[in-house]
Amino acid sequence: MHRHEAHEHLAPDEAPPDLSDLPEDWQEVVLRRLEMTKTESIRREDEDRKTLDEVFDRQTLLVLYKFISNGFLETLDYPVSTGKEANVFHATDPQGKPLAVKIFRTNTATFRSFMTYIAGDPRFGHVRPNRRDIVYVWAQKEYKNLQRYFEAGVRVPNPIAWRQNVLLMEFIGSEGTPAPRLRDAPYDDAQKLYEQLVAQYRLGSEQGGLVHGDFSEFNILHPSGAGPVVIDVAQAVLVHHPMARELLARDAKNLAAYFRRQGLKGVTAEETLKAISPPERPQRPIDREPVDEDEDEDDFEDE
C-alpha cells in the first residue's frame, strides 16, 4: 500500500458549510466533476440510474464540493462497486492520482443493524437514533478502523479523508480497473494465501486491536502480482468489544470453510481461531471521537 504524506481528518464537529458563502454555481462545480459518472449511468439499467440519483443527494453534493474546494478531489469518474450500504467510485485528485470514493447511502434500509457494531465502542459517544446520524458514524467508523489497520501494517486501502457519509481512500487496482475480490481472483497456491490472510488478520488483531467481523472472500481484494488487501471494515470492533469473541470465531469459521472449498481439507475453524486470536493483554488507550453534535437537526432527521 502506498503511504500518503498526510492524513486529513475532517472532524465531525467542524461547522457545516455556510450556504450563504457558497458560490451560486457550487452545484454546477460538483456536477461537472460527476459528468463522467452520469454519462456512464446512461448506459445502465433504469434501476442503476435511480440508485445513482439516490446516492448524490443534496447533502452529499455539499460534502463533495467541500472535498473539491479543499483540494482533495478533482474528478469523480465512474462506479466500481455498488451495494445496499454504499457505492464506491473511481476518482482522481488534483495531481491526477487515482482515488476510491466511498459514499454511504443515507437512505439505506440496513442502517439499524449498524448499531450492533457501534454500541459498546468507546471511541464513539451518544449516537442519535436516526438514519442520517447513524450512517455518518458508520462512515466515520470505517475511516477510523482503516487508520488503525493501516498504522498496524495490515494491507488495507490507505484512508485519506472522511466527512459525514463520504470516505476518500487509496484506489486498489490497475489502470482504472479495480482489483478483483478474492472470490473472483485466480491464484495458484491456496496454502500460501491462507497463511498470508491468517498473518494479516493476526497483525490487525494484535497490533491494530481490531476484530474484522466479516472476513470472507467477499471483503478481500486480490490484485494481480500483489498480496491480498482487506476492505469493508466498518463493522470491525475493538478486541475488547462485548461481541469480539463471537465475531472472531465467525471469521475463523468463514476463513477455514473457504479454504476447505479450495482443497485445503486439513484447515479447521479451531486452528484458524487459535492462529488469528490476539494475545490477552490490557486494553490499549482509546481516542474517543466526537459525533456531529452541532449539525443542523433538520439534516439528521430520518424521513
Protein backbone atom coordinates (compact mmCIF):
# COMPACT_ATOMS: atom_id res chain seq x y z
CA MET A 1 0.00 0.00 0.00
CA HIS A 2 1.22 3.48 -0.76
CA ARG A 3 1.56 5.91 2.12
CA HIS A 4 0.31 9.44 1.54
CA GLU A 5 2.28 12.24 3.10
CA ALA A 6 -0.51 13.22 5.45
CA HIS A 7 -3.96 12.17 6.53
CA GLU A 8 -6.75 14.71 6.67
CA HIS A 9 -9.39 14.01 9.27
CA LEU A 10 -12.27 16.36 8.64
CA ALA A 11 -13.72 16.40 12.12
CA PRO A 12 -17.45 15.83 12.56
CA ASP A 13 -17.69 18.88 14.79
CA GLU A 14 -16.40 21.12 12.01
CA ALA A 15 -19.07 23.70 11.22
CA PRO A 16 -21.23 22.71 8.24
CA PRO A 17 -20.80 24.75 5.06
CA ASP A 18 -22.41 28.16 5.31
CA LEU A 19 -24.71 28.20 2.31
CA SER A 20 -24.68 31.99 2.21
CA ASP A 21 -20.93 31.90 1.46
CA LEU A 22 -21.10 29.29 -1.25
CA PRO A 23 -20.77 30.48 -4.85
CA GLU A 24 -24.02 30.45 -6.77
CA ASP A 25 -22.64 27.82 -9.15
CA TRP A 26 -21.44 25.39 -6.46
CA GLN A 27 -23.76 22.66 -7.66
CA GLU A 28 -22.52 23.09 -11.22
CA VAL A 29 -18.94 22.76 -9.96
CA VAL A 30 -19.78 19.39 -8.42
CA LEU A 31 -21.93 18.21 -11.30
CA ARG A 32 -19.13 18.91 -13.77
CA ARG A 33 -16.97 16.52 -11.76
CA LEU A 34 -19.80 13.99 -11.92
CA GLU A 35 -20.23 14.30 -15.69
CA MET A 36 -18.48 11.03 -16.50
CA THR A 37 -20.36 9.23 -13.74
CA LYS A 38 -23.68 10.44 -15.10
CA THR A 39 -22.62 9.57 -18.66
CA GLU A 40 -21.69 6.08 -17.55
CA SER A 41 -25.06 5.70 -15.84
CA ILE A 42 -26.87 6.35 -19.11
CA ARG A 43 -25.56 3.02 -20.33
CA ARG A 44 -27.01 1.27 -17.28
CA GLU A 45 -30.46 -0.03 -16.47
CA ASP A 46 -33.11 2.31 -15.11
CA GLU A 47 -32.73 0.89 -11.60
CA ASP A 48 -28.99 1.61 -11.61
CA ARG A 49 -29.60 5.22 -12.71
CA LYS A 50 -32.15 5.57 -9.92
CA THR A 51 -29.53 4.29 -7.46
CA LEU A 52 -27.01 6.92 -8.57
CA ASP A 53 -29.62 9.67 -8.23
CA GLU A 54 -30.28 8.49 -4.68
CA VAL A 55 -26.57 8.43 -3.82
CA PHE A 56 -25.98 12.03 -4.92
CA ASP A 57 -28.49 13.80 -2.70
CA ARG A 58 -28.03 17.48 -1.91
CA GLN A 59 -26.13 16.94 1.35
CA THR A 60 -23.72 14.52 -0.33
CA LEU A 61 -23.13 17.02 -3.13
CA LEU A 62 -22.23 19.60 -0.47
CA VAL A 63 -19.67 17.22 1.02
CA LEU A 64 -18.18 16.53 -2.41
CA TYR A 65 -17.99 20.28 -3.03
CA LYS A 66 -16.08 20.61 0.24
CA PHE A 67 -13.57 17.99 -0.91
CA ILE A 68 -13.21 19.67 -4.30
CA SER A 69 -12.72 23.15 -2.84
CA ASN A 70 -10.21 21.83 -0.28
CA GLY A 71 -8.07 20.25 -2.99
CA PHE A 72 -8.73 16.60 -2.23
CA LEU A 73 -10.85 15.74 -5.24
CA GLU A 74 -10.69 16.68 -8.91
CA THR A 75 -12.96 14.22 -10.73
CA LEU A 76 -15.45 11.55 -9.77
CA ASP A 77 -15.33 9.22 -12.73
CA TYR A 78 -17.38 6.03 -12.60
CA PRO A 79 -18.78 3.47 -10.17
CA VAL A 80 -16.65 0.42 -9.40
CA SER A 81 -18.84 -1.16 -6.74
CA THR A 82 -22.47 -0.82 -5.71
CA GLY A 83 -24.24 -2.16 -2.65
CA LYS A 84 -27.10 -1.66 -0.26
CA GLU A 85 -24.95 0.32 2.18
CA ALA A 86 -22.54 2.22 -0.06
CA ASN A 87 -21.30 2.87 -3.59
CA VAL A 88 -17.61 3.13 -4.47
CA PHE A 89 -16.36 5.33 -7.33
CA HIS A 90 -13.09 5.73 -9.15
CA ALA A 91 -11.89 9.31 -8.78
CA THR A 92 -8.76 11.42 -9.15
CA ASP A 93 -7.09 14.05 -7.02
CA PRO A 94 -5.78 17.37 -8.45
CA GLN A 95 -2.46 15.69 -9.27
CA GLY A 96 -4.23 13.01 -11.30
CA LYS A 97 -3.65 10.19 -8.82
CA PRO A 98 -6.47 7.64 -8.61
CA LEU A 99 -8.68 7.55 -5.54
CA ALA A 100 -11.60 5.49 -4.34
CA VAL A 101 -14.56 7.49 -3.07
CA LYS A 102 -16.97 5.51 -0.91
CA ILE A 103 -20.36 7.15 -0.48
CA PHE A 104 -22.53 5.63 2.22
CA ARG A 105 -26.18 5.82 1.26
CA THR A 106 -28.18 7.80 3.80
CA ASN A 107 -31.37 6.09 2.63
CA THR A 108 -30.08 2.57 3.29
CA ALA A 109 -32.61 0.21 4.81
CA THR A 110 -29.91 -1.63 6.76
CA PHE A 111 -28.87 1.29 8.97
CA ARG A 112 -30.48 -0.17 12.10
CA SER A 113 -28.09 -3.13 12.04
CA PHE A 114 -25.14 -0.71 12.24
CA MET A 115 -25.86 -0.01 15.90
CA THR A 116 -25.00 -3.61 16.76
CA TYR A 117 -21.37 -2.79 15.96
CA ILE A 118 -21.35 0.85 17.12
CA ALA A 119 -22.84 0.23 20.58
CA GLY A 120 -20.17 -0.71 23.08
CA ASP A 121 -17.40 1.06 21.17
CA PRO A 122 -15.85 3.66 23.50
CA ARG A 123 -14.47 5.64 20.53
CA PHE A 124 -17.95 6.99 19.82
CA GLY A 125 -20.25 8.83 22.15
CA HIS A 126 -24.01 9.06 22.10
CA VAL A 127 -25.45 8.44 18.65
CA ARG A 128 -28.84 9.97 17.97
CA PRO A 129 -31.30 7.29 16.83
CA ASN A 130 -31.99 8.48 13.33
CA ARG A 131 -30.88 7.24 9.97
CA ARG A 132 -28.56 10.03 8.83
CA ASP A 133 -26.68 10.33 12.12
CA ILE A 134 -26.13 6.57 12.31
CA VAL A 135 -24.84 6.45 8.73
CA TYR A 136 -22.43 9.33 9.44
CA VAL A 137 -20.99 7.46 12.44
CA TRP A 138 -20.79 4.27 10.37
CA ALA A 139 -18.68 6.07 7.74
CA GLN A 140 -16.53 7.57 10.49
CA LYS A 141 -16.08 4.11 11.99
CA GLU A 142 -14.79 2.73 8.69
CA TYR A 143 -12.33 5.62 8.44
CA LYS A 144 -11.05 5.11 12.00
CA ASN A 145 -10.78 1.35 11.52
CA LEU A 146 -8.86 1.78 8.27
CA GLN A 147 -6.48 4.11 10.11
CA ARG A 148 -5.89 1.52 12.83
CA TYR A 149 -5.31 -1.28 10.34
CA PHE A 150 -3.06 0.83 8.11
CA GLU A 151 -0.93 2.03 11.01
CA ALA A 152 -0.63 -1.59 12.22
CA GLY A 153 0.79 -2.62 8.84
CA VAL A 154 -2.25 -4.51 7.59
CA ARG A 155 -2.79 -4.32 3.83
CA VAL A 156 -5.85 -2.09 3.57
CA PRO A 157 -6.62 0.93 1.38
CA ASN A 158 -4.85 3.97 2.78
CA PRO A 159 -7.55 6.21 4.32
CA ILE A 160 -7.18 9.80 3.13
CA ALA A 161 -10.14 11.82 4.40
CA TRP A 162 -13.66 11.49 5.72
CA ARG A 163 -16.64 13.75 6.21
CA GLN A 164 -20.23 12.80 7.02
CA ASN A 165 -21.14 9.96 4.64
CA VAL A 166 -18.17 10.25 2.25
CA LEU A 167 -14.82 8.48 2.61
CA LEU A 168 -11.75 9.06 0.42
CA MET A 169 -9.14 6.32 0.26
CA GLU A 170 -6.50 4.70 -1.89
CA PHE A 171 -7.74 3.06 -5.09
CA ILE A 172 -6.76 -0.61 -5.26
CA GLY A 173 -6.41 -1.64 -8.88
CA SER A 174 -4.52 -1.01 -12.08
CA GLU A 175 -5.12 1.45 -14.92
CA GLY A 176 -8.54 2.38 -13.62
CA THR A 177 -9.72 -1.21 -13.20
CA PRO A 178 -10.44 -2.25 -9.62
CA ALA A 179 -8.70 -5.32 -8.23
CA PRO A 180 -10.95 -8.38 -8.14
CA ARG A 181 -12.41 -9.71 -4.94
CA LEU A 182 -10.89 -12.94 -3.71
CA ARG A 183 -13.97 -14.90 -4.79
CA ASP A 184 -13.26 -13.89 -8.42
CA ALA A 185 -9.46 -13.83 -8.41
CA PRO A 186 -7.27 -16.64 -9.74
CA TYR A 187 -4.35 -17.86 -7.63
CA ASP A 188 -2.04 -20.87 -7.65
CA ASP A 189 -1.11 -21.57 -4.04
CA ALA A 190 -4.08 -21.80 -1.66
CA GLN A 191 -1.87 -22.73 1.30
CA LYS A 192 0.31 -19.66 0.85
CA LEU A 193 -2.74 -17.41 0.52
CA TYR A 194 -4.31 -18.91 3.64
CA GLU A 195 -1.14 -18.24 5.60
CA GLN A 196 -0.97 -14.66 4.28
CA LEU A 197 -4.54 -13.96 5.37
CA VAL A 198 -4.03 -15.52 8.79
CA ALA A 199 -0.92 -13.36 9.25
CA GLN A 200 -2.77 -10.21 8.15
CA TYR A 201 -5.68 -10.93 10.46
CA ARG A 202 -3.36 -11.62 13.40
CA LEU A 203 -1.50 -8.38 12.70
CA GLY A 204 -4.78 -6.48 12.72
CA SER A 205 -5.99 -8.04 15.96
CA GLU A 206 -2.65 -7.90 17.79
CA GLN A 207 -1.22 -4.57 16.59
CA GLY A 208 -4.42 -2.84 15.45
CA GLY A 209 -6.62 -4.09 18.25
CA LEU A 210 -9.48 -4.96 15.88
CA VAL A 211 -11.65 -7.95 15.02
CA HIS A 212 -12.87 -7.66 11.42
CA GLY A 213 -16.27 -9.26 11.89
CA ASP A 214 -16.98 -10.05 8.22
CA PHE A 215 -13.78 -11.66 6.98
CA SER A 216 -14.58 -13.57 3.82
CA GLU A 217 -13.75 -13.86 0.12
CA PHE A 218 -16.24 -11.04 -0.50
CA ASN A 219 -14.30 -8.49 1.60
CA ILE A 220 -10.78 -9.23 0.41
CA LEU A 221 -9.26 -7.89 -2.80
CA HIS A 222 -6.54 -9.85 -4.59
CA PRO A 223 -4.60 -7.59 -7.00
CA SER A 224 -2.59 -9.34 -9.68
CA GLY A 225 1.01 -9.81 -8.59
CA ALA A 226 0.37 -8.49 -5.08
CA GLY A 227 -0.81 -9.75 -1.73
CA PRO A 228 -4.43 -9.68 -0.55
CA VAL A 229 -5.99 -6.40 0.59
CA VAL A 230 -8.66 -6.27 3.31
CA ILE A 231 -11.66 -4.00 2.67
CA ASP A 232 -15.08 -3.13 4.12
CA VAL A 233 -14.03 -2.68 7.73
CA ALA A 234 -16.82 -0.50 9.16
CA GLN A 235 -18.18 -3.42 11.18
CA ALA A 236 -14.78 -4.22 12.73
CA VAL A 237 -14.84 -3.93 16.53
CA LEU A 238 -12.19 -3.44 19.17
CA VAL A 239 -10.78 -6.66 20.62
CA HIS A 240 -12.33 -5.78 24.00
CA HIS A 241 -15.80 -5.21 22.49
CA PRO A 242 -18.53 -7.42 24.00
CA MET A 243 -19.06 -9.11 20.61
CA ALA A 244 -15.38 -9.55 19.76
CA ARG A 245 -15.05 -13.24 20.66
CA GLU A 246 -18.21 -14.15 18.78
CA LEU A 247 -17.12 -12.25 15.66
CA LEU A 248 -13.59 -13.64 15.87
CA ALA A 249 -14.96 -17.19 15.92
CA ARG A 250 -17.23 -16.43 12.98
CA ASP A 251 -14.33 -15.01 10.97
CA ALA A 252 -12.24 -18.11 11.70
CA LYS A 253 -15.12 -20.37 10.66
CA ASN A 254 -15.67 -18.47 7.38
CA LEU A 255 -11.96 -18.37 6.52
CA ALA A 256 -11.48 -22.08 7.20
CA ALA A 257 -14.61 -23.03 5.25
CA TYR A 258 -13.50 -21.03 2.22
CA PHE A 259 -10.08 -22.68 2.06
CA ARG A 260 -11.50 -26.16 2.60
CA ARG A 261 -13.55 -25.48 -0.54
CA GLN A 262 -10.27 -24.61 -2.25
CA GLY A 263 -8.82 -28.01 -1.39
CA LEU A 264 -7.15 -27.43 2.00
CA LYS A 265 -9.05 -30.23 3.73
CA GLY A 266 -6.88 -30.08 6.83
CA VAL A 267 -7.79 -26.49 7.71
CA THR A 268 -10.16 -26.27 10.67
CA ALA A 269 -12.04 -23.43 12.30
CA GLU A 270 -10.42 -24.31 15.63
CA GLU A 271 -6.83 -23.99 14.42
CA THR A 272 -7.69 -20.88 12.43
CA LEU A 273 -9.24 -19.27 15.50
CA LYS A 274 -6.13 -20.01 17.51
CA ALA A 275 -3.91 -18.56 14.78
CA ILE A 276 -5.79 -15.26 14.39
CA SER A 277 -6.60 -14.57 18.05
CA PRO A 278 -4.66 -11.75 19.72
CA PRO A 279 -2.85 -12.42 22.99
CA GLU A 280 -4.64 -11.41 26.15
CA ARG A 281 -3.35 -8.06 27.31
CA PRO A 282 -4.61 -4.76 28.81
CA GLN A 283 -6.79 -2.59 26.64
CA ARG A 284 -4.88 -0.02 24.58
CA PRO A 285 -5.85 3.66 25.03
CA ILE A 286 -8.89 4.77 23.08
CA ASP A 287 -9.25 8.11 21.35
CA ARG A 288 -12.89 8.92 21.75
CA GLU A 289 -14.34 10.53 18.67
CA PRO A 290 -16.91 13.34 18.74
CA VAL A 291 -20.16 12.98 16.85
CA ASP A 292 -21.82 15.62 14.67
CA GLU A 293 -23.46 17.34 17.61
CA ASP A 294 -23.60 20.82 16.06
CA GLU A 295 -25.09 19.89 12.69
CA ASP A 296 -28.47 21.34 11.90
CA GLU A 297 -31.01 18.97 13.46
CA ASP A 298 -33.07 19.01 10.27
CA ASP A 299 -30.14 17.46 8.41
CA PHE A 300 -30.33 14.34 10.58
CA GLU A 301 -34.00 13.54 10.63
CA ASP A 302 -34.94 10.11 9.28
CA GLU A 303 -37.54 10.63 6.63
